[in-house]
Amino acid sequence: MSQKTVITCALTGSADTAGKSKAVPVTPKQIADAALEARKAGAAVVHIHVRDPETGKASMDLELYRETVGRIRDSGSDVVINLTTGPGGSFIPGDVEPIAFDKGTNMKTPEVRMQHIADLLPDICTLDVATLNFGERAMVNVPKHLRAMADRAKELGVKPELEVFDSGHVLLAKQLIKEGHLESPALFQLCLGIPWGAPATPEGMAFMKSLLPEDAIWSGFGISRTEFPMVAQAAMLGGHTRVGLEDNLYIARGELAKNNGQLVERAVQIIESIGGEVADPSEARAAFKLGANA
């Protein structure tokens, strides 16, 4: 563990979790406040989705992103901002006619999925290098769309965080690097334990890491009960890590987390307990080669 570990906090996500825990932030103010809380607890990066304040459901509303990011920036916080581009890739086939999209499908063009990135210019935007059975729906990201989104991120000067959920996603990302759509060293996020992707086990993380480019910058996480074991595993393997209410609602078995900050504090404790150190935002920017550090 020769490097400091960057902790990303995924604040809210897009799953139907707001009704399962009152701690999940929903409004732009709540999400922005959660970002500052996570930063205070030790996170250097915050990963942001937005939600409809009325329903709590996932949203792609540009104004919600603008208010959320604006609140964080206006606070003067040095936290690194990472915005999702995942919404817009969900497909649920119809029961009678599979080609007739069922309720819950939200397929959008690459341009629409990148609109808030172009408008707000965050430090990082995610790029899901994945077509995957994601529970009972499909997450669809075809190579043509990935190339367009990667090219747009490069044009905007925003660092893509390549979210990979299984081994083939890593291989596709490497192909996009080879083609010049993604720059080296690329930033990878190993997303483990999601049905039906790579498992959140020591063997699963080690295998996914073994497929990465030699110069890759990488982070890894597990969902639900595997969140904290994967924090330790990522740090011991020389990577960075992620926690947050997007991935896990619990601080202990049967005990809901009070907030994102509590999950970050536990991650800090785990990393320090095994002899590691946690990176601050300045160190995260250097480690992830953002902006002037690229």
Protein backbone atom coordinates (compact mmCIF):
# COMPACT_ATOMS: atom_id res chain seq x y z
CA MET A 1 0.00 0.00 0.00
CA SER A 2 2.49 2.58 -1.23
CA GLN A 3 -0.14 5.12 -2.30
CA LYS A 4 -2.89 6.91 -0.46
CA THR A 5 -6.39 5.55 -1.09
CA VAL A 6 -8.97 7.81 -2.73
CA ILE A 7 -12.47 7.32 -1.33
CA THR A 8 -15.38 8.12 -3.62
CA CYS A 9 -18.80 8.51 -2.03
CA ALA A 10 -21.78 7.56 -4.24
CA LEU A 11 -24.42 9.73 -2.63
CA THR A 12 -27.84 8.59 -3.85
CA GLY A 13 -27.85 6.51 -7.06
CA SER A 14 -30.94 5.82 -9.16
CA ALA A 15 -32.39 2.69 -7.56
CA ASP A 16 -35.68 2.70 -5.67
CA THR A 17 -33.98 3.17 -2.30
CA ALA A 18 -35.42 6.48 -1.10
CA GLY A 19 -38.45 4.62 0.21
CA LYS A 20 -36.27 2.11 2.04
CA SER A 21 -34.16 4.57 4.00
CA LYS A 22 -34.84 8.15 5.03
CA ALA A 23 -31.09 8.75 4.88
CA VAL A 24 -31.05 8.63 1.05
CA PRO A 25 -30.81 12.25 -0.19
CA VAL A 26 -33.41 13.27 -2.76
CA THR A 27 -33.56 17.04 -3.31
CA PRO A 28 -30.66 19.03 -4.77
CA LYS A 29 -30.07 20.59 -1.35
CA GLN A 30 -30.04 17.21 0.36
CA ILE A 31 -27.65 15.76 -2.23
CA ALA A 32 -25.34 18.78 -2.03
CA ASP A 33 -25.38 18.67 1.76
CA ALA A 34 -24.57 14.94 1.58
CA ALA A 35 -21.59 15.74 -0.65
CA LEU A 36 -20.20 18.19 1.90
CA GLU A 37 -20.88 15.72 4.71
CA ALA A 38 -19.00 12.99 2.82
CA ARG A 39 -16.08 15.33 2.19
CA LYS A 40 -15.88 16.19 5.89
CA ALA A 41 -15.87 12.46 6.73
CA GLY A 42 -12.93 11.75 4.43
CA ALA A 43 -14.19 11.29 0.88
CA ALA A 44 -12.20 13.07 -1.80
CA VAL A 45 -14.69 12.42 -4.63
CA VAL A 46 -18.50 12.51 -4.71
CA HIS A 47 -20.44 10.58 -7.34
CA ILE A 48 -23.77 12.21 -8.14
CA HIS A 49 -27.14 11.19 -9.57
CA VAL A 50 -30.21 13.41 -9.17
CA ARG A 51 -33.78 12.53 -8.21
CA ASP A 52 -37.20 14.07 -8.75
CA PRO A 53 -37.86 15.96 -5.48
CA GLU A 54 -41.56 15.11 -5.66
CA THR A 55 -41.36 11.37 -6.30
CA GLY A 56 -37.83 10.45 -5.20
CA LYS A 57 -37.37 8.60 -8.50
CA ALA A 58 -34.28 8.90 -10.70
CA SER A 59 -34.19 11.93 -12.97
CA MET A 60 -32.16 13.30 -15.86
CA ASP A 61 -33.38 16.89 -15.34
CA LEU A 62 -30.59 19.30 -16.20
CA GLU A 63 -31.87 21.92 -13.76
CA LEU A 64 -31.63 19.46 -10.87
CA TYR A 65 -28.01 18.74 -11.78
CA ARG A 66 -27.32 22.45 -12.15
CA GLU A 67 -28.72 23.27 -8.71
CA THR A 68 -26.96 20.36 -7.00
CA VAL A 69 -23.55 21.10 -8.50
CA GLY A 70 -24.03 24.82 -8.02
CA ARG A 71 -24.68 24.37 -4.31
CA ILE A 72 -21.51 22.31 -3.89
CA ARG A 73 -19.38 24.78 -5.82
CA ASP A 74 -20.88 27.80 -4.07
CA SER A 75 -19.93 26.25 -0.72
CA GLY A 76 -16.25 26.57 -1.66
CA SER A 77 -15.63 22.86 -1.10
CA ASP A 78 -12.59 21.31 -2.76
CA VAL A 79 -14.34 17.94 -3.25
CA VAL A 80 -13.92 16.32 -6.68
CA ILE A 81 -17.24 16.18 -8.57
CA ASN A 82 -18.13 13.02 -10.50
CA LEU A 83 -21.44 13.06 -12.42
CA THR A 84 -23.15 9.95 -13.73
CA THR A 85 -24.06 9.38 -17.38
CA GLY A 86 -25.70 6.04 -16.58
CA PRO A 87 -29.37 7.10 -16.88
CA GLY A 88 -30.56 6.72 -20.45
CA GLY A 89 -29.33 3.14 -20.88
CA SER A 90 -32.11 1.12 -19.25
CA PHE A 91 -34.15 -1.31 -21.39
CA ILE A 92 -37.10 -3.47 -20.37
CA PRO A 93 -38.75 -5.46 -23.21
CA GLY A 94 -42.52 -5.58 -23.48
CA ASP A 95 -44.31 -8.78 -22.48
CA VAL A 96 -46.34 -9.11 -25.69
CA GLU A 97 -43.99 -7.44 -28.15
CA PRO A 98 -40.41 -7.40 -26.83
CA ILE A 99 -39.48 -4.57 -29.19
CA ALA A 100 -42.25 -2.47 -27.60
CA PHE A 101 -40.48 -0.95 -24.62
CA ASP A 102 -42.06 -1.65 -21.25
CA LYS A 103 -42.46 0.92 -18.46
CA GLY A 104 -39.07 1.76 -16.98
CA THR A 105 -37.18 1.89 -20.27
CA ASN A 106 -35.35 5.20 -20.63
CA MET A 107 -33.06 4.74 -23.63
CA LYS A 108 -31.56 8.07 -24.73
CA THR A 109 -29.02 9.21 -27.30
CA PRO A 110 -25.38 9.81 -26.30
CA GLU A 111 -25.97 13.52 -26.79
CA VAL A 112 -28.80 13.60 -24.27
CA ARG A 113 -26.86 11.47 -21.77
CA MET A 114 -23.93 13.90 -21.97
CA GLN A 115 -25.94 17.13 -21.90
CA HIS A 116 -25.40 17.86 -18.20
CA ILE A 117 -21.69 17.05 -18.55
CA ALA A 118 -21.31 19.64 -21.31
CA ASP A 119 -23.27 22.19 -19.29
CA LEU A 120 -21.56 21.72 -15.92
CA LEU A 121 -18.06 20.41 -16.80
CA PRO A 122 -17.45 18.24 -13.73
CA ASP A 123 -14.02 16.84 -12.93
CA ILE A 124 -15.16 13.30 -13.81
CA CYS A 125 -18.10 11.66 -15.57
CA THR A 126 -18.88 7.98 -15.43
CA LEU A 127 -19.00 5.88 -18.59
CA ASP A 128 -20.72 2.51 -18.15
CA VAL A 129 -18.77 0.18 -20.43
CA ALA A 130 -21.51 -2.36 -20.10
CA THR A 131 -24.42 -4.13 -21.63
CA LEU A 132 -25.58 -6.29 -18.77
CA ASN A 133 -28.55 -8.01 -17.19
CA PHE A 134 -28.95 -5.59 -14.30
CA GLY A 135 -31.35 -7.41 -12.03
CA GLU A 136 -34.56 -7.80 -14.07
CA ARG A 137 -33.73 -5.14 -16.65
CA ALA A 138 -30.98 -4.69 -19.18
CA MET A 139 -28.41 -1.92 -19.02
CA VAL A 140 -27.56 -1.24 -22.66
CA ASN A 141 -24.40 0.55 -23.76
CA VAL A 142 -23.43 -0.43 -27.30
CA PRO A 143 -19.92 0.31 -28.65
CA LYS A 144 -21.20 2.97 -31.06
CA HIS A 145 -22.73 4.93 -28.18
CA LEU A 146 -19.67 4.44 -25.97
CA ARG A 147 -17.41 5.82 -28.68
CA ALA A 148 -19.62 8.90 -29.06
CA MET A 149 -19.75 9.53 -25.31
CA ALA A 150 -16.02 8.97 -24.86
CA ASP A 151 -15.25 11.36 -27.71
CA ARG A 152 -17.54 13.98 -26.21
CA ALA A 153 -15.90 13.67 -22.78
CA LYS A 154 -12.47 14.08 -24.40
CA GLU A 155 -13.67 17.16 -26.30
CA LEU A 156 -14.98 18.67 -23.05
CA GLY A 157 -11.83 17.86 -21.06
CA VAL A 158 -13.76 15.72 -18.56
CA LYS A 159 -12.12 12.52 -17.29
CA PRO A 160 -14.25 9.41 -17.90
CA GLU A 161 -14.49 6.93 -15.04
CA LEU A 162 -14.94 3.59 -16.82
CA GLU A 163 -17.48 1.59 -14.85
CA VAL A 164 -16.93 -2.09 -15.60
CA PHE A 165 -19.24 -4.76 -14.19
CA ASP A 166 -17.74 -7.90 -15.76
CA SER A 167 -14.63 -9.11 -17.52
CA GLY A 168 -15.77 -8.41 -21.09
CA HIS A 169 -16.38 -4.78 -20.20
CA VAL A 170 -12.69 -4.37 -19.37
CA LEU A 171 -11.75 -5.87 -22.73
CA LEU A 172 -14.12 -3.49 -24.55
CA ALA A 173 -12.64 -0.53 -22.66
CA LYS A 174 -9.16 -1.61 -23.70
CA GLN A 175 -10.34 -1.71 -27.32
CA LEU A 176 -11.69 1.84 -27.03
CA ILE A 177 -8.31 2.92 -25.63
CA LYS A 178 -6.57 1.22 -28.56
CA GLU A 179 -8.85 3.03 -31.01
CA GLY A 180 -8.03 6.38 -29.38
CA HIS A 181 -11.48 7.15 -27.98
CA LEU A 182 -10.15 6.90 -24.43
CA GLU A 183 -6.82 8.27 -23.26
CA SER A 184 -4.21 6.46 -21.17
CA PRO A 185 -3.86 6.12 -18.29
CA ALA A 186 -7.56 5.39 -18.08
CA LEU A 187 -9.55 5.54 -14.84
CA PHE A 188 -11.49 2.33 -14.10
CA GLN A 189 -14.13 1.57 -11.49
CA LEU A 190 -14.62 -2.15 -10.75
CA CYS A 191 -18.33 -2.47 -9.91
CA LEU A 192 -18.78 -5.80 -8.14
CA GLY A 193 -21.69 -7.78 -6.77
CA ILE A 194 -24.35 -6.36 -9.09
CA PRO A 195 -26.71 -9.04 -10.45
CA TRP A 196 -25.58 -10.42 -12.88
CA GLY A 197 -22.02 -9.19 -13.09
CA ALA A 198 -18.69 -10.11 -11.54
CA PRO A 199 -18.89 -11.23 -7.90
CA ALA A 200 -17.76 -9.07 -4.99
CA THR A 201 -15.19 -11.52 -3.71
CA PRO A 202 -11.41 -11.30 -3.26
CA GLU A 203 -11.02 -13.62 -6.24
CA GLY A 204 -13.45 -11.58 -8.34
CA MET A 205 -11.71 -8.28 -7.66
CA ALA A 206 -8.25 -9.76 -8.21
CA PHE A 207 -9.36 -11.27 -11.54
CA MET A 208 -10.90 -8.01 -12.76
CA LYS A 209 -7.75 -6.13 -11.74
CA SER A 210 -5.61 -8.64 -13.66
CA LEU A 211 -7.38 -7.66 -16.92
CA LEU A 212 -6.73 -3.92 -16.61
CA PRO A 213 -4.12 -2.10 -18.71
CA GLU A 214 -0.75 -1.99 -16.96
CA ASP A 215 -0.95 1.78 -16.49
CA ALA A 216 -4.60 1.84 -15.36
CA ILE A 217 -5.76 3.93 -12.42
CA TRP A 218 -8.43 1.93 -10.67
CA SER A 219 -10.97 1.84 -7.90
CA GLY A 220 -13.27 -0.94 -6.79
CA PHE A 221 -16.35 -1.46 -4.68
CA GLY A 222 -18.93 -4.04 -3.65
CA ILE A 223 -22.61 -3.51 -3.00
CA SER A 224 -24.74 -4.29 0.04
CA ARG A 225 -23.03 -6.49 2.68
CA THR A 226 -19.85 -6.68 0.58
CA GLU A 227 -19.24 -2.91 0.65
CA PHE A 228 -16.81 -2.85 3.56
CA PRO A 229 -14.90 -6.07 2.76
CA MET A 230 -14.25 -4.71 -0.74
CA VAL A 231 -12.91 -1.44 0.75
CA ALA A 232 -10.15 -3.45 2.42
CA GLN A 233 -9.62 -5.63 -0.63
CA ALA A 234 -9.22 -2.68 -3.01
CA ALA A 235 -6.77 -0.92 -0.69
CA MET A 236 -4.68 -4.08 -0.24
CA LEU A 237 -4.55 -4.62 -4.01
CA GLY A 238 -3.26 -1.09 -4.56
CA GLY A 239 -6.50 0.47 -5.79
CA HIS A 240 -8.91 3.12 -4.62
CA THR A 241 -12.44 2.53 -3.37
CA ARG A 242 -16.04 3.70 -3.14
CA VAL A 243 -18.81 3.62 -0.54
CA GLY A 244 -22.14 5.40 -0.18
CA LEU A 245 -25.90 5.04 0.02
CA GLU A 246 -26.09 4.31 -3.72
CA ASP A 247 -24.39 0.98 -3.05
CA ASN A 248 -25.39 0.06 0.49
CA LEU A 249 -27.95 1.31 3.02
CA TYR A 250 -26.51 -0.38 6.13
CA ILE A 251 -23.71 0.43 8.56
CA ALA A 252 -24.04 -2.98 10.24
CA ARG A 253 -26.26 -6.04 9.96
CA GLY A 254 -29.86 -4.87 10.40
CA GLU A 255 -28.79 -1.27 11.17
CA LEU A 256 -29.45 1.42 8.58
CA ALA A 257 -26.69 3.97 8.08
CA LYS A 258 -27.53 7.43 9.41
CA ASN A 259 -26.02 9.16 6.38
CA ASN A 260 -23.31 8.93 3.73
CA GLY A 261 -20.76 10.39 6.12
CA GLN A 262 -21.10 7.43 8.45
CA LEU A 263 -20.27 5.03 5.60
CA VAL A 264 -17.24 7.14 4.65
CA GLU A 265 -16.04 7.22 8.25
CA ARG A 266 -16.17 3.43 8.37
CA ALA A 267 -14.17 3.20 5.12
CA VAL A 268 -11.53 5.54 6.59
CA GLN A 269 -11.32 3.34 9.69
CA ILE A 270 -10.88 0.20 7.59
CA ILE A 271 -8.13 1.70 5.42
CA GLU A 272 -6.23 3.11 8.39
CA SER A 273 -6.61 -0.14 10.36
CA ILE A 274 -4.65 -2.02 7.71
CA GLY A 275 -1.87 0.55 7.56
CA GLY A 276 -3.16 2.74 4.75
CA GLU A 277 -3.77 6.47 4.41
CA VAL A 278 -6.69 8.31 2.86
CA ALA A 279 -6.16 10.86 0.07
CA ASP A 280 -7.55 14.39 0.20
CA PRO A 281 -9.07 16.03 -2.92
CA SER A 282 -5.77 17.55 -4.02
CA GLU A 283 -4.09 14.17 -3.79
CA ALA A 284 -7.04 12.55 -5.56
CA ARG A 285 -6.71 14.99 -8.44
CA ALA A 286 -3.06 14.06 -8.79
CA ALA A 287 -3.71 10.32 -8.48
CA PHE A 288 -6.53 10.42 -11.05
CA LYS A 289 -4.58 12.82 -13.29
CA LEU A 290 -7.30 15.44 -13.44
CA GLY A 291 -6.96 18.87 -14.98
CA ALA A 292 -3.43 20.27 -14.59
CA ASN A 293 -2.32 16.89 -13.22
CA ALA A 294 -3.29 15.02 -16.41
